[in-house]
Amino acid sequence: MSKILLYVCVVALVVMVGCKSDAPKNEMPSTAKVDKAETLYGTWKLNKVDTLFGMSAEEMTKLKTRYSRKGLLMSFFPDNTLTRIDGQKYTSTTWNFDGLNAAAKIGKVVDGRAEAFDFDFNGLEVYTKNDEQNLKVENENGIYHFRKVGDMLQNVTDDPFHPVNNQWRVIAPKSETYAQMQQRLLNYTKHNHALFKAAKARGKDKVVNANSIGIFVYYDGAVKIVDGGKVPTSWMANFYSPDEAMDAYAFMNEYFKKGFIRKKSGDGFVASGEAIFSDLVAKMEKKIK
């Protein structure tokens, strides 16, 4: 290699290294104060627990582990309803936007768990990271980051996490009649249908039901229910008793005489599941009425 060519290569290498070293590392995306309610519309998943105030290292580790394992979803709707799904536990309440303080004022619990809604949304800021919208939240407990996992649908009651599609999660306070159990089953089925409808409307190619674990198992072009001995305890816990939960399971099993309900769509997994649950909901409504 000639001395001139070698010199040019060395200079080019120095320039490349110099440019690389000047690049910012782990730079936090710029944030903007939330100044309107519409920014919050949709479903947000807790992505990161940044800072926790007044907690020991052990308490922080425990809380972070809990959220990372179970997941936490918050869904804000323009009809001023808000749902929180912590793992499989459901709470519904009301909310109003406070533009002056960039905060969402949370109301009293409407249904779900009979306990305080202990997650305030204050100091709200939005930012984009990896082409996804994120929400920074600061409250008296610490600083949290949420990632948007679902945009608002044109019809809010089509959203799988709207209260109308989550009455199956409200724990029965007393023994239910067979008719009430069947209505609970119907609502659970409508929730699953809404998961597929929403995925289809949002252009997704898969359905995530990590916060909606129950008795349905999804396949490409088919749905089945779990074996009786594998009914999740979290699903059973919504009923008044394990016996009533298994009675409800038996009702649902009547629709799965052949083990699977099959309907394959050329448009893929989501379209197939949406069609299956659409038919199942129609059959249940006809039979229950």
C-alpha atoms as a PDB file:
ATOM      1  CA  MET A   1       0.000   0.000   0.000  1.00  0.00           C
ATOM      2  CA  SER A   2       1.387   3.458  -0.889  1.00  0.00           C
ATOM      3  CA  LYS A   3       2.155   6.007   1.844  1.00  0.00           C
ATOM      4  CA  ILE A   4      -0.489   8.390   0.456  1.00  0.00           C
ATOM      5  CA  LEU A   5      -3.222   5.740   0.515  1.00  0.00           C
ATOM      6  CA  LEU A   6      -2.202   4.666   4.010  1.00  0.00           C
ATOM      7  CA  TYR A   7      -2.350   8.278   5.198  1.00  0.00           C
ATOM      8  CA  VAL A   8      -5.855   8.752   3.743  1.00  0.00           C
ATOM      9  CA  CYS A   9      -7.098   5.574   5.439  1.00  0.00           C
ATOM     10  CA  VAL A  10      -5.702   6.644   8.805  1.00  0.00           C
ATOM     11  CA  VAL A  11      -7.266  10.098   8.526  1.00  0.00           C
ATOM     12  CA  ALA A  12     -10.640   8.570   7.567  1.00  0.00           C
ATOM     13  CA  LEU A  13     -10.472   6.213  10.536  1.00  0.00           C
ATOM     14  CA  VAL A  14      -9.685   9.057  12.918  1.00  0.00           C
ATOM     15  CA  VAL A  15     -12.604  11.076  11.570  1.00  0.00           C
ATOM     16  CA  MET A  16     -14.986   8.118  11.949  1.00  0.00           C
ATOM     17  CA  VAL A  17     -13.878   7.419  15.511  1.00  0.00           C
ATOM     18  CA  GLY A  18     -14.089  11.091  16.370  1.00  0.00           C
ATOM     19  CA  CYS A  19     -17.626  11.357  15.057  1.00  0.00           C
ATOM     20  CA  LYS A  20     -18.687   8.287  16.985  1.00  0.00           C
ATOM     21  CA  SER A  21     -17.217   9.550  20.235  1.00  0.00           C
ATOM     22  CA  ASP A  22     -19.165  12.795  19.941  1.00  0.00           C
ATOM     23  CA  ALA A  23     -22.528  10.984  19.782  1.00  0.00           C
ATOM     24  CA  PRO A  24     -24.678  11.275  22.940  1.00  0.00           C
ATOM     25  CA  LYS A  25     -24.944   8.133  25.006  1.00  0.00           C
ATOM     26  CA  ASN A  26     -28.153   7.035  26.774  1.00  0.00           C
ATOM     27  CA  GLU A  27     -29.647  10.455  26.229  1.00  0.00           C
ATOM     28  CA  MET A  28     -33.133  10.742  27.712  1.00  0.00           C
ATOM     29  CA  PRO A  29     -35.695  11.799  25.069  1.00  0.00           C
ATOM     30  CA  SER A  30     -37.055  15.305  25.557  1.00  0.00           C
ATOM     31  CA  THR A  31     -40.343  15.420  27.393  1.00  0.00           C
ATOM     32  CA  ALA A  32     -43.360  17.704  27.060  1.00  0.00           C
ATOM     33  CA  LYS A  33     -45.904  18.568  29.700  1.00  0.00           C
ATOM     34  CA  VAL A  34     -49.295  16.936  29.138  1.00  0.00           C
ATOM     35  CA  ASP A  35     -51.599  19.880  28.413  1.00  0.00           C
ATOM     36  CA  LYS A  36     -54.789  18.190  27.228  1.00  0.00           C
ATOM     37  CA  ALA A  37     -56.901  15.196  28.227  1.00  0.00           C
ATOM     38  CA  GLU A  38     -56.773  13.668  24.743  1.00  0.00           C
ATOM     39  CA  THR A  39     -53.088  12.863  25.199  1.00  0.00           C
ATOM     40  CA  LEU A  40     -54.026  10.291  27.848  1.00  0.00           C
ATOM     41  CA  TYR A  41     -56.748   8.526  25.862  1.00  0.00           C
ATOM     42  CA  GLY A  42     -55.889   4.852  25.345  1.00  0.00           C
ATOM     43  CA  THR A  43     -54.171   2.069  27.269  1.00  0.00           C
ATOM     44  CA  TRP A  44     -50.806   2.462  28.980  1.00  0.00           C
ATOM     45  CA  LYS A  45     -48.620  -0.294  30.389  1.00  0.00           C
ATOM     46  CA  LEU A  46     -46.145   0.268  33.200  1.00  0.00           C
ATOM     47  CA  ASN A  47     -42.775  -0.001  31.536  1.00  0.00           C
ATOM     48  CA  LYS A  48     -40.325   1.114  34.204  1.00  0.00           C
ATOM     49  CA  VAL A  49     -40.263   2.082  37.875  1.00  0.00           C
ATOM     50  CA  ASP A  50     -37.668   4.834  37.906  1.00  0.00           C
ATOM     51  CA  THR A  51     -37.484   6.264  41.417  1.00  0.00           C
ATOM     52  CA  LEU A  52     -39.287   5.330  44.616  1.00  0.00           C
ATOM     53  CA  PHE A  53     -39.506   7.728  47.547  1.00  0.00           C
ATOM     54  CA  GLY A  54     -39.180   6.753  51.192  1.00  0.00           C
ATOM     55  CA  MET A  55     -38.662   3.052  50.541  1.00  0.00           C
ATOM     56  CA  SER A  56     -35.917   0.711  51.570  1.00  0.00           C
ATOM     57  CA  ALA A  57     -33.927  -1.150  48.935  1.00  0.00           C
ATOM     58  CA  GLU A  58     -35.812  -4.310  49.841  1.00  0.00           C
ATOM     59  CA  GLU A  59     -39.210  -2.618  49.468  1.00  0.00           C
ATOM     60  CA  MET A  60     -38.203  -1.133  46.096  1.00  0.00           C
ATOM     61  CA  THR A  61     -37.052  -4.489  44.805  1.00  0.00           C
ATOM     62  CA  LYS A  62     -40.293  -6.109  45.943  1.00  0.00           C
ATOM     63  CA  LEU A  63     -42.483  -3.494  44.257  1.00  0.00           C
ATOM     64  CA  LYS A  64     -40.504  -3.524  41.010  1.00  0.00           C
ATOM     65  CA  THR A  65     -40.659  -7.310  40.910  1.00  0.00           C
ATOM     66  CA  ARG A  66     -44.417  -7.257  41.480  1.00  0.00           C
ATOM     67  CA  TYR A  67     -45.086  -4.876  38.606  1.00  0.00           C
ATOM     68  CA  SER A  68     -42.690  -6.566  36.206  1.00  0.00           C
ATOM     69  CA  ARG A  69     -44.205  -9.976  36.922  1.00  0.00           C
ATOM     70  CA  LYS A  70     -47.908  -9.106  37.013  1.00  0.00           C
ATOM     71  CA  GLY A  71     -48.022  -6.042  34.807  1.00  0.00           C
ATOM     72  CA  LEU A  72     -50.103  -2.913  35.294  1.00  0.00           C
ATOM     73  CA  LEU A  73     -52.460  -1.472  32.676  1.00  0.00           C
ATOM     74  CA  MET A  74     -54.203   1.895  32.917  1.00  0.00           C
ATOM     75  CA  SER A  75     -56.871   2.790  30.341  1.00  0.00           C
ATOM     76  CA  PHE A  76     -58.205   6.355  30.059  1.00  0.00           C
ATOM     77  CA  PHE A  77     -61.475   6.909  28.183  1.00  0.00           C
ATOM     78  CA  PRO A  78     -63.103  10.137  26.968  1.00  0.00           C
ATOM     79  CA  ASP A  79     -66.306   9.270  28.862  1.00  0.00           C
ATOM     80  CA  ASN A  80     -64.265   9.951  32.040  1.00  0.00           C
ATOM     81  CA  THR A  81     -63.977   6.304  32.995  1.00  0.00           C
ATOM     82  CA  LEU A  82     -60.648   4.770  33.922  1.00  0.00           C
ATOM     83  CA  THR A  83     -59.773   1.128  34.396  1.00  0.00           C
ATOM     84  CA  ARG A  84     -56.764  -0.286  36.155  1.00  0.00           C
ATOM     85  CA  ILE A  85     -55.762  -3.916  35.698  1.00  0.00           C
ATOM     86  CA  ASP A  86     -53.025  -4.965  38.073  1.00  0.00           C
ATOM     87  CA  GLY A  87     -52.099  -8.472  37.002  1.00  0.00           C
ATOM     88  CA  GLN A  88     -55.604  -9.949  36.791  1.00  0.00           C
ATOM     89  CA  LYS A  89     -57.192  -7.650  39.402  1.00  0.00           C
ATOM     90  CA  TYR A  90     -59.571  -5.053  38.019  1.00  0.00           C
ATOM     91  CA  THR A  91     -60.674  -1.654  39.282  1.00  0.00           C
ATOM     92  CA  SER A  92     -62.861   0.909  37.564  1.00  0.00           C
ATOM     93  CA  THR A  93     -63.194   4.539  38.581  1.00  0.00           C
ATOM     94  CA  THR A  94     -63.638   8.040  37.167  1.00  0.00           C
ATOM     95  CA  TRP A  95     -61.053  10.635  36.196  1.00  0.00           C
ATOM     96  CA  ASN A  96     -60.810  14.265  35.204  1.00  0.00           C
ATOM     97  CA  PHE A  97     -57.901  16.114  33.649  1.00  0.00           C
ATOM     98  CA  ASP A  98     -56.280  18.971  35.553  1.00  0.00           C
ATOM     99  CA  GLY A  99     -54.458  20.984  32.896  1.00  0.00           C
ATOM    100  CA  LEU A 100     -53.060  23.519  35.345  1.00  0.00           C
ATOM    101  CA  ASN A 101     -51.094  20.838  37.195  1.00  0.00           C
ATOM    102  CA  ALA A 102     -50.703  18.328  34.327  1.00  0.00           C
ATOM    103  CA  ALA A 103     -52.479  15.706  36.388  1.00  0.00           C
ATOM    104  CA  ALA A 104     -55.315  13.201  36.160  1.00  0.00           C
ATOM    105  CA  LYS A 105     -57.568  13.520  39.192  1.00  0.00           C
ATOM    106  CA  ILE A 106     -58.761  10.057  40.166  1.00  0.00           C
ATOM    107  CA  GLY A 107     -62.263   9.563  41.591  1.00  0.00           C
ATOM    108  CA  LYS A 108     -63.643   6.991  43.964  1.00  0.00           C
ATOM    109  CA  VAL A 109     -63.732   3.330  43.016  1.00  0.00           C
ATOM    110  CA  VAL A 110     -66.810   2.454  40.961  1.00  0.00           C
ATOM    111  CA  ASP A 111     -66.398  -1.307  40.857  1.00  0.00           C
ATOM    112  CA  GLY A 112     -63.785  -4.001  41.151  1.00  0.00           C
ATOM    113  CA  ARG A 113     -61.613  -4.332  44.202  1.00  0.00           C
ATOM    114  CA  ALA A 114     -63.059  -2.798  47.370  1.00  0.00           C
ATOM    115  CA  GLU A 115     -59.968  -0.754  48.182  1.00  0.00           C
ATOM    116  CA  ALA A 116     -58.537   2.671  47.509  1.00  0.00           C
ATOM    117  CA  PHE A 117     -57.307   3.564  44.042  1.00  0.00           C
ATOM    118  CA  ASP A 118     -53.754   4.185  45.223  1.00  0.00           C
ATOM    119  CA  PHE A 119     -52.028   5.301  42.031  1.00  0.00           C
ATOM    120  CA  ASP A 120     -52.150   9.050  41.390  1.00  0.00           C
ATOM    121  CA  PHE A 121     -51.236  10.515  38.005  1.00  0.00           C
ATOM    122  CA  ASN A 122     -49.400  13.766  38.693  1.00  0.00           C
ATOM    123  CA  GLY A 123     -46.617  15.690  36.961  1.00  0.00           C
ATOM    124  CA  LEU A 124     -47.506  14.110  33.621  1.00  0.00           C
ATOM    125  CA  GLU A 125     -45.055  14.377  30.728  1.00  0.00           C
ATOM    126  CA  VAL A 126     -44.999  12.601  27.360  1.00  0.00           C
ATOM    127  CA  TYR A 127     -42.050  11.624  25.200  1.00  0.00           C
ATOM    128  CA  THR A 128     -41.284   9.359  22.257  1.00  0.00           C
ATOM    129  CA  LYS A 129     -38.833   6.502  22.547  1.00  0.00           C
ATOM    130  CA  ASN A 130     -38.211   3.774  19.954  1.00  0.00           C
ATOM    131  CA  ASP A 131     -41.101   5.219  17.915  1.00  0.00           C
ATOM    132  CA  GLU A 132     -43.484   4.586  20.827  1.00  0.00           C
ATOM    133  CA  GLN A 133     -45.336   7.101  22.958  1.00  0.00           C
ATOM    134  CA  ASN A 134     -44.366   7.070  26.616  1.00  0.00           C
ATOM    135  CA  LEU A 135     -45.760   8.726  29.699  1.00  0.00           C
ATOM    136  CA  LYS A 136     -43.734   9.887  32.691  1.00  0.00           C
ATOM    137  CA  VAL A 137     -45.718   9.976  35.919  1.00  0.00           C
ATOM    138  CA  GLU A 138     -44.688  11.408  39.250  1.00  0.00           C
ATOM    139  CA  ASN A 139     -46.690  10.891  42.432  1.00  0.00           C
ATOM    140  CA  GLU A 140     -46.059  10.736  46.150  1.00  0.00           C
ATOM    141  CA  ASN A 141     -44.606   7.232  45.800  1.00  0.00           C
ATOM    142  CA  GLY A 142     -42.115   7.851  43.018  1.00  0.00           C
ATOM    143  CA  ILE A 143     -41.522   8.283  39.290  1.00  0.00           C
ATOM    144  CA  TYR A 144     -42.935   5.787  36.804  1.00  0.00           C
ATOM    145  CA  HIS A 145     -42.810   5.351  33.041  1.00  0.00           C
ATOM    146  CA  PHE A 146     -45.699   3.935  31.013  1.00  0.00           C
ATOM    147  CA  ARG A 147     -45.658   2.832  27.381  1.00  0.00           C
ATOM    148  CA  LYS A 148     -48.750   3.277  25.216  1.00  0.00           C
ATOM    149  CA  VAL A 149     -49.976  -0.132  24.066  1.00  0.00           C
ATOM    150  CA  GLY A 150     -53.387   0.787  22.657  1.00  0.00           C
ATOM    151  CA  ASP A 151     -54.689   3.890  20.882  1.00  0.00           C
ATOM    152  CA  MET A 152     -58.256   4.999  21.444  1.00  0.00           C
ATOM    153  CA  LEU A 153     -60.801   3.261  19.245  1.00  0.00           C
ATOM    154  CA  GLN A 154     -63.500   5.161  17.383  1.00  0.00           C
ATOM    155  CA  ASN A 155     -66.136   3.553  19.606  1.00  0.00           C
ATOM    156  CA  VAL A 156     -64.748   3.544  23.147  1.00  0.00           C
ATOM    157  CA  THR A 157     -67.023   0.728  24.314  1.00  0.00           C
ATOM    158  CA  ASP A 158     -65.337  -1.556  21.770  1.00  0.00           C
ATOM    159  CA  ASP A 159     -62.148  -1.288  23.792  1.00  0.00           C
ATOM    160  CA  PRO A 160     -61.375  -4.561  25.608  1.00  0.00           C
ATOM    161  CA  PHE A 161     -60.498  -2.654  28.789  1.00  0.00           C
ATOM    162  CA  HIS A 162     -63.562  -0.440  28.925  1.00  0.00           C
ATOM    163  CA  PRO A 163     -65.761  -1.219  31.964  1.00  0.00           C
ATOM    164  CA  VAL A 164     -68.570  -2.624  29.800  1.00  0.00           C
ATOM    165  CA  ASN A 165     -66.244  -5.440  28.683  1.00  0.00           C
ATOM    166  CA  ASN A 166     -64.866  -6.204  32.130  1.00  0.00           C
ATOM    167  CA  GLN A 167     -67.857  -6.926  34.320  1.00  0.00           C
ATOM    168  CA  TRP A 168     -66.727 -10.568  34.378  1.00  0.00           C
ATOM    169  CA  ARG A 169     -63.826  -9.384  36.545  1.00  0.00           C
ATOM    170  CA  VAL A 170     -66.040  -7.849  39.242  1.00  0.00           C
ATOM    171  CA  ILE A 171     -66.009 -10.337  42.114  1.00  0.00           C
ATOM    172  CA  ALA A 172     -69.452 -11.736  42.894  1.00  0.00           C
ATOM    173  CA  PRO A 173     -70.465 -10.475  46.374  1.00  0.00           C
ATOM    174  CA  LYS A 174     -72.981 -13.286  46.850  1.00  0.00           C
ATOM    175  CA  SER A 175     -74.060 -16.549  45.301  1.00  0.00           C
ATOM    176  CA  GLU A 176     -75.215 -16.092  41.715  1.00  0.00           C
ATOM    177  CA  THR A 177     -78.062 -17.721  39.843  1.00  0.00           C
ATOM    178  CA  TYR A 178     -77.308 -19.765  36.746  1.00  0.00           C
ATOM    179  CA  ALA A 179     -78.606 -16.868  34.655  1.00  0.00           C
ATOM    180  CA  GLN A 180     -76.163 -14.468  36.337  1.00  0.00           C
ATOM    181  CA  MET A 181     -73.276 -16.865  35.829  1.00  0.00           C
ATOM    182  CA  GLN A 182     -74.156 -17.164  32.143  1.00  0.00           C
ATOM    183  CA  GLN A 183     -74.178 -13.368  31.824  1.00  0.00           C
ATOM    184  CA  ARG A 184     -70.745 -13.267  33.436  1.00  0.00           C
ATOM    185  CA  LEU A 185     -69.535 -15.868  30.937  1.00  0.00           C
ATOM    186  CA  LEU A 186     -71.031 -13.874  28.066  1.00  0.00           C
ATOM    187  CA  ASN A 187     -69.227 -10.745  29.230  1.00  0.00           C
ATOM    188  CA  TYR A 188     -65.966 -12.681  29.502  1.00  0.00           C
ATOM    189  CA  THR A 189     -66.440 -13.939  25.945  1.00  0.00           C
ATOM    190  CA  LYS A 190     -67.226 -10.419  24.713  1.00  0.00           C
ATOM    191  CA  HIS A 191     -64.012  -9.231  26.354  1.00  0.00           C
ATOM    192  CA  ASN A 192     -62.032 -11.813  24.368  1.00  0.00           C
ATOM    193  CA  HIS A 193     -63.887 -10.822  21.214  1.00  0.00           C
ATOM    194  CA  ALA A 194     -62.987  -7.191  21.933  1.00  0.00           C
ATOM    195  CA  LEU A 195     -59.297  -8.135  22.262  1.00  0.00           C
ATOM    196  CA  PHE A 196     -59.363  -9.478  18.709  1.00  0.00           C
ATOM    197  CA  LYS A 197     -61.534  -6.677  17.309  1.00  0.00           C
ATOM    198  CA  ALA A 198     -59.241  -4.050  18.793  1.00  0.00           C
ATOM    199  CA  ALA A 199     -56.129  -5.791  17.455  1.00  0.00           C
ATOM    200  CA  LYS A 200     -57.735  -5.910  14.012  1.00  0.00           C
ATOM    201  CA  ALA A 201     -58.723  -2.222  14.138  1.00  0.00           C
ATOM    202  CA  ARG A 202     -55.203  -1.249  15.230  1.00  0.00           C
ATOM    203  CA  GLY A 203     -53.550  -3.294  12.505  1.00  0.00           C
ATOM    204  CA  LYS A 204     -51.890  -5.752  14.888  1.00  0.00           C
ATOM    205  CA  ASP A 205     -50.942  -9.285  13.891  1.00  0.00           C
ATOM    206  CA  LYS A 206     -51.217 -10.818  17.365  1.00  0.00           C
ATOM    207  CA  VAL A 207     -53.338 -10.653  20.507  1.00  0.00           C
ATOM    208  CA  VAL A 208     -51.817 -10.300  23.952  1.00  0.00           C
ATOM    209  CA  ASN A 209     -53.968 -11.573  26.818  1.00  0.00           C
ATOM    210  CA  ALA A 210     -51.409 -11.558  29.649  1.00  0.00           C
ATOM    211  CA  ASN A 211     -53.806  -9.437  31.743  1.00  0.00           C
ATOM    212  CA  SER A 212     -56.876 -11.429  30.701  1.00  0.00           C
ATOM    213  CA  ILE A 213     -55.953 -14.977  31.627  1.00  0.00           C
ATOM    214  CA  GLY A 214     -58.953 -17.279  31.708  1.00  0.00           C
ATOM    215  CA  ILE A 215     -60.264 -20.479  30.178  1.00  0.00           C
ATOM    216  CA  PHE A 216     -59.778 -19.723  26.461  1.00  0.00           C
ATOM    217  CA  VAL A 217     -56.693 -20.851  24.552  1.00  0.00           C
ATOM    218  CA  TYR A 218     -55.982 -19.195  21.196  1.00  0.00           C
ATOM    219  CA  TYR A 219     -54.636 -20.919  18.092  1.00  0.00           C
ATOM    220  CA  ASP A 220     -54.303 -19.798  14.505  1.00  0.00           C
ATOM    221  CA  GLY A 221     -57.782 -20.517  13.195  1.00  0.00           C
ATOM    222  CA  ALA A 222     -59.089 -22.172  16.376  1.00  0.00           C
ATOM    223  CA  VAL A 223     -60.042 -21.607  20.001  1.00  0.00           C
ATOM    224  CA  LYS A 224     -60.474 -24.156  22.775  1.00  0.00           C
ATOM    225  CA  ILE A 225     -61.024 -24.055  26.531  1.00  0.00           C
ATOM    226  CA  VAL A 226     -58.600 -25.440  29.063  1.00  0.00           C
ATOM    227  CA  ASP A 227     -59.161 -28.819  30.677  1.00  0.00           C
ATOM    228  CA  GLY A 228     -61.306 -28.711  33.798  1.00  0.00           C
ATOM    229  CA  GLY A 229     -58.354 -29.392  36.054  1.00  0.00           C
ATOM    230  CA  LYS A 230     -56.408 -26.445  34.635  1.00  0.00           C
ATOM    231  CA  VAL A 231     -58.888 -23.629  35.165  1.00  0.00           C
ATOM    232  CA  PRO A 232     -56.808 -20.648  36.403  1.00  0.00           C
ATOM    233  CA  THR A 233     -57.418 -19.703  40.031  1.00  0.00           C
ATOM    234  CA  SER A 234     -57.399 -16.006  39.073  1.00  0.00           C
ATOM    235  CA  TRP A 235     -60.396 -16.609  36.773  1.00  0.00           C
ATOM    236  CA  MET A 236     -62.208 -18.694  39.388  1.00  0.00           C
ATOM    237  CA  ALA A 237     -61.648 -15.963  41.996  1.00  0.00           C
ATOM    238  CA  ASN A 238     -64.162 -13.689  40.231  1.00  0.00           C
ATOM    239  CA  PHE A 239     -66.999 -16.065  41.100  1.00  0.00           C
ATOM    240  CA  TYR A 240     -68.630 -16.393  44.490  1.00  0.00           C
ATOM    241  CA  SER A 241     -67.106 -19.818  45.046  1.00  0.00           C
ATOM    242  CA  PRO A 242     -64.969 -22.409  43.239  1.00  0.00           C
ATOM    243  CA  ASP A 243     -68.081 -24.562  42.812  1.00  0.00           C
ATOM    244  CA  GLU A 244     -69.922 -21.770  40.995  1.00  0.00           C
ATOM    245  CA  ALA A 245     -66.849 -21.131  38.856  1.00  0.00           C
ATOM    246  CA  MET A 246     -66.851 -24.769  37.772  1.00  0.00           C
ATOM    247  CA  ASP A 247     -70.593 -24.606  37.083  1.00  0.00           C
ATOM    248  CA  ALA A 248     -69.858 -21.688  34.758  1.00  0.00           C
ATOM    249  CA  TYR A 249     -67.026 -23.645  33.159  1.00  0.00           C
ATOM    250  CA  ALA A 250     -69.484 -26.489  32.487  1.00  0.00           C
ATOM    251  CA  PHE A 251     -71.853 -24.040  30.770  1.00  0.00           C
ATOM    252  CA  MET A 252     -69.051 -22.863  28.498  1.00  0.00           C
ATOM    253  CA  ASN A 253     -67.929 -26.387  27.780  1.00  0.00           C
ATOM    254  CA  GLU A 254     -71.292 -27.006  26.085  1.00  0.00           C
ATOM    255  CA  TYR A 255     -70.079 -24.835  23.192  1.00  0.00           C
ATOM    256  CA  PHE A 256     -66.914 -26.909  22.774  1.00  0.00           C
ATOM    257  CA  LYS A 257     -68.322 -30.380  22.164  1.00  0.00           C
ATOM    258  CA  LYS A 258     -65.633 -31.117  19.583  1.00  0.00           C
ATOM    259  CA  GLY A 259     -62.848 -29.691  21.721  1.00  0.00           C
ATOM    260  CA  PHE A 260     -62.106 -26.810  19.354  1.00  0.00           C
ATOM    261  CA  ILE A 261     -64.096 -24.137  17.568  1.00  0.00           C
ATOM    262  CA  ARG A 262     -62.419 -23.650  14.206  1.00  0.00           C
ATOM    263  CA  LYS A 263     -62.692 -20.931  11.591  1.00  0.00           C
ATOM    264  CA  LYS A 264     -59.701 -20.119   9.423  1.00  0.00           C
ATOM    265  CA  SER A 265     -59.428 -16.748   7.725  1.00  0.00           C
ATOM    266  CA  GLY A 266     -57.067 -15.961   4.896  1.00  0.00           C
ATOM    267  CA  ASP A 267     -56.307 -12.658   6.610  1.00  0.00           C
ATOM    268  CA  GLY A 268     -54.401 -14.334   9.436  1.00  0.00           C
ATOM    269  CA  PHE A 269     -54.495 -15.113  13.142  1.00  0.00           C
ATOM    270  CA  VAL A 270     -56.309 -11.976  14.340  1.00  0.00           C
ATOM    271  CA  ALA A 271     -59.052 -12.115  11.694  1.00  0.00           C
ATOM    272  CA  SER A 272     -59.632 -15.821  12.399  1.00  0.00           C
ATOM    273  CA  GLY A 273     -59.977 -15.271  16.140  1.00  0.00           C
ATOM    274  CA  GLU A 274     -62.250 -12.283  15.663  1.00  0.00           C
ATOM    275  CA  ALA A 275     -64.578 -14.354  13.463  1.00  0.00           C
ATOM    276  CA  ILE A 276     -64.625 -17.261  15.951  1.00  0.00           C
ATOM    277  CA  PHE A 277     -65.517 -15.071  18.904  1.00  0.00           C
ATOM    278  CA  SER A 278     -68.086 -13.144  16.867  1.00  0.00           C
ATOM    279  CA  ASP A 279     -69.913 -16.415  16.149  1.00  0.00           C
ATOM    280  CA  LEU A 280     -69.546 -17.629  19.741  1.00  0.00           C
ATOM    281  CA  VAL A 281     -70.978 -14.410  21.184  1.00  0.00           C
ATOM    282  CA  ALA A 282     -73.947 -14.628  18.806  1.00  0.00           C
ATOM    283  CA  LYS A 283     -74.649 -18.257  19.816  1.00  0.00           C
ATOM    284  CA  MET A 284     -74.437 -17.419  23.518  1.00  0.00           C
ATOM    285  CA  GLU A 285     -76.719 -14.397  23.218  1.00  0.00           C
ATOM    286  CA  LYS A 286     -79.295 -16.454  21.330  1.00  0.00           C
ATOM    287  CA  LYS A 287     -79.199 -19.266  23.878  1.00  0.00           C
ATOM    288  CA  ILE A 288     -79.239 -17.046  26.985  1.00  0.00           C
ATOM    289  CA  LYS A 289     -82.148 -14.946  25.751  1.00  0.00           C
END
